[in-house]
Amino acid sequence: MSRTTYDTSSLLELECYSKSNEELEALKTVFEQEMNTHKQERMKHADELLKINRAKKISKDKLKLVTSELKRREDNDDAMHVFDACRGELGGFTLLSTTELTIISTNMCREDYRQHGCPRWIDVTSICKTVIHMKQKYPTWKLVNMFIVGKSGTTPPRTFYKYEYVDDDDCHFDVGGLTLV
């Protein structure tokens, strides 16, 4: 058996021709009620969708906070071990104060280059060597700040730093950085 599909609006149109005004008014009322019902259903679902979207946004914001806190804690755990590799390797490591170590670990490039076969913190040893060298040369100088001033275009990049020292007379010295010619 084959099914024939009919256009319902055409059938209704044909049916409307045979109805009286009262019957058409009754049909109109029925269809208006159906439209109202559909409208109410749509509004109900729109409200539910709005509630779902709000709940989703709140969950997304909470997830961001938790993820951020986990990342912060991981970074703190990693920061405790930043100097493990160079602590025993470098002579003069004891010249670096806790404040200087904090400045170094906070301001150095913290990008993880292990996927390129490099140590986790590729600059920590060279930074420590640089600061130790300056402190051996000028024993009264203290590292008070350090800035990243540029990177080479290689992978992993070579990072260029500018070091700010202060001596006992509160004179400031900037060492390193990039010189543009």
C-alpha atoms as a PDB file:
ATOM      1  CA  MET A   1       0.000   0.000   0.000  1.00  0.00           C
ATOM      2  CA  SER A   2       1.243   3.392  -0.825  1.00  0.00           C
ATOM      3  CA  ARG A   3       0.585   6.373   1.371  1.00  0.00           C
ATOM      4  CA  THR A   4      -0.435   9.630  -0.116  1.00  0.00           C
ATOM      5  CA  THR A   5       0.497  12.780   1.721  1.00  0.00           C
ATOM      6  CA  TYR A   6      -1.777  15.764   1.586  1.00  0.00           C
ATOM      7  CA  ASP A   7      -1.082  19.367   2.238  1.00  0.00           C
ATOM      8  CA  THR A   8      -3.104  19.976   5.419  1.00  0.00           C
ATOM      9  CA  SER A   9      -3.514  23.680   4.728  1.00  0.00           C
ATOM     10  CA  SER A  10      -5.142  22.865   1.352  1.00  0.00           C
ATOM     11  CA  LEU A  11      -7.511  20.378   2.947  1.00  0.00           C
ATOM     12  CA  LEU A  12      -8.442  22.887   5.616  1.00  0.00           C
ATOM     13  CA  GLU A  13      -8.994  25.526   2.965  1.00  0.00           C
ATOM     14  CA  LEU A  14     -11.411  23.208   1.108  1.00  0.00           C
ATOM     15  CA  GLU A  15     -13.113  22.341   4.372  1.00  0.00           C
ATOM     16  CA  CYS A  16     -13.468  26.036   5.309  1.00  0.00           C
ATOM     17  CA  TYR A  17     -15.535  26.721   2.198  1.00  0.00           C
ATOM     18  CA  SER A  18     -18.202  24.326   3.400  1.00  0.00           C
ATOM     19  CA  LYS A  19     -18.425  25.697   6.983  1.00  0.00           C
ATOM     20  CA  SER A  20     -20.781  28.270   8.326  1.00  0.00           C
ATOM     21  CA  ASN A  21     -19.589  31.474   9.959  1.00  0.00           C
ATOM     22  CA  GLU A  22     -20.321  30.093  13.426  1.00  0.00           C
ATOM     23  CA  GLU A  23     -18.346  26.940  12.704  1.00  0.00           C
ATOM     24  CA  LEU A  24     -15.456  29.002  11.373  1.00  0.00           C
ATOM     25  CA  GLU A  25     -15.541  31.228  14.484  1.00  0.00           C
ATOM     26  CA  ALA A  26     -15.417  28.073  16.641  1.00  0.00           C
ATOM     27  CA  LEU A  27     -12.473  26.740  14.608  1.00  0.00           C
ATOM     28  CA  LYS A  28     -10.764  30.109  14.922  1.00  0.00           C
ATOM     29  CA  THR A  29     -11.125  29.963  18.703  1.00  0.00           C
ATOM     30  CA  VAL A  30      -9.725  26.408  18.781  1.00  0.00           C
ATOM     31  CA  PHE A  31      -6.712  27.375  16.664  1.00  0.00           C
ATOM     32  CA  GLU A  32      -6.070  30.520  18.713  1.00  0.00           C
ATOM     33  CA  GLN A  33      -6.085  28.381  21.869  1.00  0.00           C
ATOM     34  CA  GLU A  34      -3.663  25.955  20.224  1.00  0.00           C
ATOM     35  CA  MET A  35      -1.415  28.881  19.277  1.00  0.00           C
ATOM     36  CA  ASN A  36      -1.568  30.160  22.856  1.00  0.00           C
ATOM     37  CA  THR A  37      -0.677  26.709  24.151  1.00  0.00           C
ATOM     38  CA  HIS A  38       2.293  26.499  21.778  1.00  0.00           C
ATOM     39  CA  LYS A  39       3.412  29.978  22.772  1.00  0.00           C
ATOM     40  CA  GLN A  40       3.221  29.082  26.476  1.00  0.00           C
ATOM     41  CA  GLU A  41       5.183  25.887  25.851  1.00  0.00           C
ATOM     42  CA  ARG A  42       7.854  27.826  23.984  1.00  0.00           C
ATOM     43  CA  MET A  43       8.088  30.371  26.823  1.00  0.00           C
ATOM     44  CA  LYS A  44       8.288  27.578  29.395  1.00  0.00           C
ATOM     45  CA  HIS A  45      11.097  25.915  27.462  1.00  0.00           C
ATOM     46  CA  ALA A  46      12.834  29.250  26.904  1.00  0.00           C
ATOM     47  CA  ASP A  47      12.783  29.845  30.678  1.00  0.00           C
ATOM     48  CA  GLU A  48      14.167  26.349  31.257  1.00  0.00           C
ATOM     49  CA  LEU A  49      16.857  26.931  28.650  1.00  0.00           C
ATOM     50  CA  LEU A  50      17.746  30.252  30.286  1.00  0.00           C
ATOM     51  CA  LYS A  51      18.062  28.517  33.677  1.00  0.00           C
ATOM     52  CA  ILE A  52      20.214  25.796  32.139  1.00  0.00           C
ATOM     53  CA  ASN A  53      22.465  28.389  30.462  1.00  0.00           C
ATOM     54  CA  ARG A  54      22.842  30.298  33.751  1.00  0.00           C
ATOM     55  CA  ALA A  55      23.718  27.108  35.612  1.00  0.00           C
ATOM     56  CA  LYS A  56      26.182  26.196  32.850  1.00  0.00           C
ATOM     57  CA  LYS A  57      27.866  29.623  33.083  1.00  0.00           C
ATOM     58  CA  ILE A  58      28.162  29.344  36.864  1.00  0.00           C
ATOM     59  CA  SER A  59      29.689  25.867  36.498  1.00  0.00           C
ATOM     60  CA  LYS A  60      32.069  27.148  33.811  1.00  0.00           C
ATOM     61  CA  ASP A  61      33.181  30.036  36.058  1.00  0.00           C
ATOM     62  CA  LYS A  62      33.700  27.669  38.990  1.00  0.00           C
ATOM     63  CA  LEU A  63      35.682  25.310  36.751  1.00  0.00           C
ATOM     64  CA  LYS A  64      37.908  28.218  35.671  1.00  0.00           C
ATOM     65  CA  LEU A  65      38.561  29.134  39.303  1.00  0.00           C
ATOM     66  CA  VAL A  66      39.377  25.567  40.313  1.00  0.00           C
ATOM     67  CA  THR A  67      41.595  25.055  37.261  1.00  0.00           C
ATOM     68  CA  SER A  68      43.367  28.338  37.952  1.00  0.00           C
ATOM     69  CA  GLU A  69      43.947  27.408  41.587  1.00  0.00           C
ATOM     70  CA  LEU A  70      45.281  23.980  40.612  1.00  0.00           C
ATOM     71  CA  LYS A  71      47.651  25.634  38.108  1.00  0.00           C
ATOM     72  CA  ARG A  72      48.769  28.148  40.765  1.00  0.00           C
ATOM     73  CA  ARG A  73      49.467  25.344  43.225  1.00  0.00           C
ATOM     74  CA  GLU A  74      51.339  23.351  40.590  1.00  0.00           C
ATOM     75  CA  ASP A  75      53.438  26.434  39.793  1.00  0.00           C
ATOM     76  CA  ASN A  76      54.148  26.928  43.502  1.00  0.00           C
ATOM     77  CA  ASP A  77      55.197  23.299  43.840  1.00  0.00           C
ATOM     78  CA  ASP A  78      57.399  23.683  40.763  1.00  0.00           C
ATOM     79  CA  ALA A  79      58.841  26.963  42.062  1.00  0.00           C
ATOM     80  CA  MET A  80      60.121  25.154  45.148  1.00  0.00           C
ATOM     81  CA  HIS A  81      62.265  23.057  42.840  1.00  0.00           C
ATOM     82  CA  VAL A  82      63.322  25.759  40.375  1.00  0.00           C
ATOM     83  CA  PHE A  83      66.831  25.925  41.765  1.00  0.00           C
ATOM     84  CA  ASP A  84      67.368  22.189  42.414  1.00  0.00           C
ATOM     85  CA  ALA A  85      69.334  21.702  39.181  1.00  0.00           C
ATOM     86  CA  CYS A  86      71.748  24.568  39.706  1.00  0.00           C
ATOM     87  CA  ARG A  87      71.984  24.601  43.523  1.00  0.00           C
ATOM     88  CA  GLY A  88      74.676  21.934  43.692  1.00  0.00           C
ATOM     89  CA  GLU A  89      76.061  22.629  40.227  1.00  0.00           C
ATOM     90  CA  LEU A  90      77.034  26.286  40.679  1.00  0.00           C
ATOM     91  CA  GLY A  91      79.787  27.499  42.936  1.00  0.00           C
ATOM     92  CA  GLY A  92      78.741  30.615  44.778  1.00  0.00           C
ATOM     93  CA  PHE A  93      75.055  29.719  44.891  1.00  0.00           C
ATOM     94  CA  THR A  94      75.065  30.668  48.573  1.00  0.00           C
ATOM     95  CA  LEU A  95      75.719  34.287  47.510  1.00  0.00           C
ATOM     96  CA  LEU A  96      72.101  34.492  46.329  1.00  0.00           C
ATOM     97  CA  SER A  97      69.709  35.705  49.011  1.00  0.00           C
ATOM     98  CA  THR A  98      66.161  34.436  49.423  1.00  0.00           C
ATOM     99  CA  THR A  99      64.879  37.749  48.045  1.00  0.00           C
ATOM    100  CA  GLU A 100      67.092  37.429  44.973  1.00  0.00           C
ATOM    101  CA  LEU A 101      65.968  33.845  44.412  1.00  0.00           C
ATOM    102  CA  THR A 102      62.355  35.004  44.624  1.00  0.00           C
ATOM    103  CA  ILE A 103      63.033  37.776  42.072  1.00  0.00           C
ATOM    104  CA  ILE A 104      64.678  35.280  39.735  1.00  0.00           C
ATOM    105  CA  SER A 105      61.977  32.607  40.012  1.00  0.00           C
ATOM    106  CA  THR A 106      59.172  35.166  39.660  1.00  0.00           C
ATOM    107  CA  ASN A 107      60.524  37.173  36.725  1.00  0.00           C
ATOM    108  CA  MET A 108      62.264  34.552  34.598  1.00  0.00           C
ATOM    109  CA  CYS A 109      60.631  32.922  31.587  1.00  0.00           C
ATOM    110  CA  ARG A 110      58.469  30.157  33.004  1.00  0.00           C
ATOM    111  CA  GLU A 111      57.554  28.544  29.689  1.00  0.00           C
ATOM    112  CA  ASP A 112      57.905  24.762  29.800  1.00  0.00           C
ATOM    113  CA  TYR A 113      60.264  23.625  27.019  1.00  0.00           C
ATOM    114  CA  ARG A 114      60.527  19.959  28.051  1.00  0.00           C
ATOM    115  CA  GLN A 115      58.750  18.920  24.849  1.00  0.00           C
ATOM    116  CA  HIS A 116      61.824  20.275  23.010  1.00  0.00           C
ATOM    117  CA  GLY A 117      64.238  18.168  25.054  1.00  0.00           C
ATOM    118  CA  CYS A 118      65.244  21.043  27.331  1.00  0.00           C
ATOM    119  CA  PRO A 119      65.046  21.362  31.106  1.00  0.00           C
ATOM    120  CA  ARG A 120      61.781  22.672  32.611  1.00  0.00           C
ATOM    121  CA  TRP A 121      63.322  26.084  33.269  1.00  0.00           C
ATOM    122  CA  ILE A 122      65.887  26.640  30.546  1.00  0.00           C
ATOM    123  CA  ASP A 123      67.127  30.004  31.841  1.00  0.00           C
ATOM    124  CA  VAL A 124      67.503  29.408  35.570  1.00  0.00           C
ATOM    125  CA  THR A 125      71.140  28.246  35.476  1.00  0.00           C
ATOM    126  CA  SER A 126      72.328  31.048  33.178  1.00  0.00           C
ATOM    127  CA  ILE A 127      70.460  33.665  35.233  1.00  0.00           C
ATOM    128  CA  CYS A 128      71.965  32.373  38.461  1.00  0.00           C
ATOM    129  CA  LYS A 129      75.442  32.321  36.865  1.00  0.00           C
ATOM    130  CA  THR A 130      75.001  35.933  35.734  1.00  0.00           C
ATOM    131  CA  VAL A 131      73.837  37.170  39.138  1.00  0.00           C
ATOM    132  CA  ILE A 132      76.517  35.165  41.008  1.00  0.00           C
ATOM    133  CA  HIS A 133      79.196  36.582  38.669  1.00  0.00           C
ATOM    134  CA  MET A 134      78.013  40.149  39.368  1.00  0.00           C
ATOM    135  CA  LYS A 135      77.858  39.518  43.116  1.00  0.00           C
ATOM    136  CA  GLN A 136      81.393  38.073  43.089  1.00  0.00           C
ATOM    137  CA  LYS A 137      82.615  41.089  41.129  1.00  0.00           C
ATOM    138  CA  TYR A 138      80.633  43.623  43.193  1.00  0.00           C
ATOM    139  CA  PRO A 139      79.955  42.085  46.632  1.00  0.00           C
ATOM    140  CA  THR A 140      77.820  45.005  47.858  1.00  0.00           C
ATOM    141  CA  TRP A 141      75.346  44.813  44.967  1.00  0.00           C
ATOM    142  CA  LYS A 142      71.953  43.222  45.504  1.00  0.00           C
ATOM    143  CA  LEU A 143      69.576  42.137  42.754  1.00  0.00           C
ATOM    144  CA  VAL A 144      66.363  44.165  43.169  1.00  0.00           C
ATOM    145  CA  ASN A 145      64.619  43.438  39.876  1.00  0.00           C
ATOM    146  CA  MET A 146      64.911  41.540  36.647  1.00  0.00           C
ATOM    147  CA  PHE A 147      63.018  41.970  33.357  1.00  0.00           C
ATOM    148  CA  ILE A 148      62.612  39.971  30.183  1.00  0.00           C
ATOM    149  CA  VAL A 149      63.578  42.377  27.402  1.00  0.00           C
ATOM    150  CA  GLY A 150      63.420  40.067  24.394  1.00  0.00           C
ATOM    151  CA  LYS A 151      63.625  36.596  22.957  1.00  0.00           C
ATOM    152  CA  SER A 152      65.346  35.138  19.932  1.00  0.00           C
ATOM    153  CA  GLY A 153      63.227  33.601  17.195  1.00  0.00           C
ATOM    154  CA  THR A 154      64.465  30.058  17.797  1.00  0.00           C
ATOM    155  CA  THR A 155      62.753  27.143  19.523  1.00  0.00           C
ATOM    156  CA  PRO A 156      63.470  27.076  22.359  1.00  0.00           C
ATOM    157  CA  PRO A 157      64.187  30.779  22.343  1.00  0.00           C
ATOM    158  CA  ARG A 158      67.109  32.479  23.975  1.00  0.00           C
ATOM    159  CA  THR A 159      65.652  34.944  26.457  1.00  0.00           C
ATOM    160  CA  PHE A 160      67.390  38.259  27.114  1.00  0.00           C
ATOM    161  CA  TYR A 161      67.184  39.776  30.578  1.00  0.00           C
ATOM    162  CA  LYS A 162      67.917  43.132  32.122  1.00  0.00           C
ATOM    163  CA  TYR A 163      69.084  43.026  35.752  1.00  0.00           C
ATOM    164  CA  GLU A 164      68.691  45.889  38.185  1.00  0.00           C
ATOM    165  CA  TYR A 165      71.073  46.013  41.134  1.00  0.00           C
ATOM    166  CA  VAL A 166      71.408  48.420  44.037  1.00  0.00           C
ATOM    167  CA  ASP A 167      74.508  48.944  46.173  1.00  0.00           C
ATOM    168  CA  ASP A 168      74.922  49.998  49.823  1.00  0.00           C
ATOM    169  CA  ASP A 169      74.790  53.683  48.825  1.00  0.00           C
ATOM    170  CA  ASP A 170      71.390  53.125  47.124  1.00  0.00           C
ATOM    171  CA  CYS A 171      72.880  53.597  43.664  1.00  0.00           C
ATOM    172  CA  HIS A 172      71.028  51.658  40.969  1.00  0.00           C
ATOM    173  CA  PHE A 173      72.763  49.766  38.176  1.00  0.00           C
ATOM    174  CA  ASP A 174      71.136  48.207  35.133  1.00  0.00           C
ATOM    175  CA  VAL A 175      73.021  45.342  33.552  1.00  0.00           C
ATOM    176  CA  GLY A 176      72.151  43.316  30.437  1.00  0.00           C
ATOM    177  CA  GLY A 177      69.246  43.750  28.096  1.00  0.00           C
ATOM    178  CA  LEU A 178      69.351  44.360  24.385  1.00  0.00           C
ATOM    179  CA  THR A 179      71.281  47.078  22.626  1.00  0.00           C
ATOM    180  CA  LEU A 180      69.748  48.244  19.360  1.00  0.00           C
ATOM    181  CA  VAL A 181      72.273  49.354  16.790  1.00  0.00           C
END
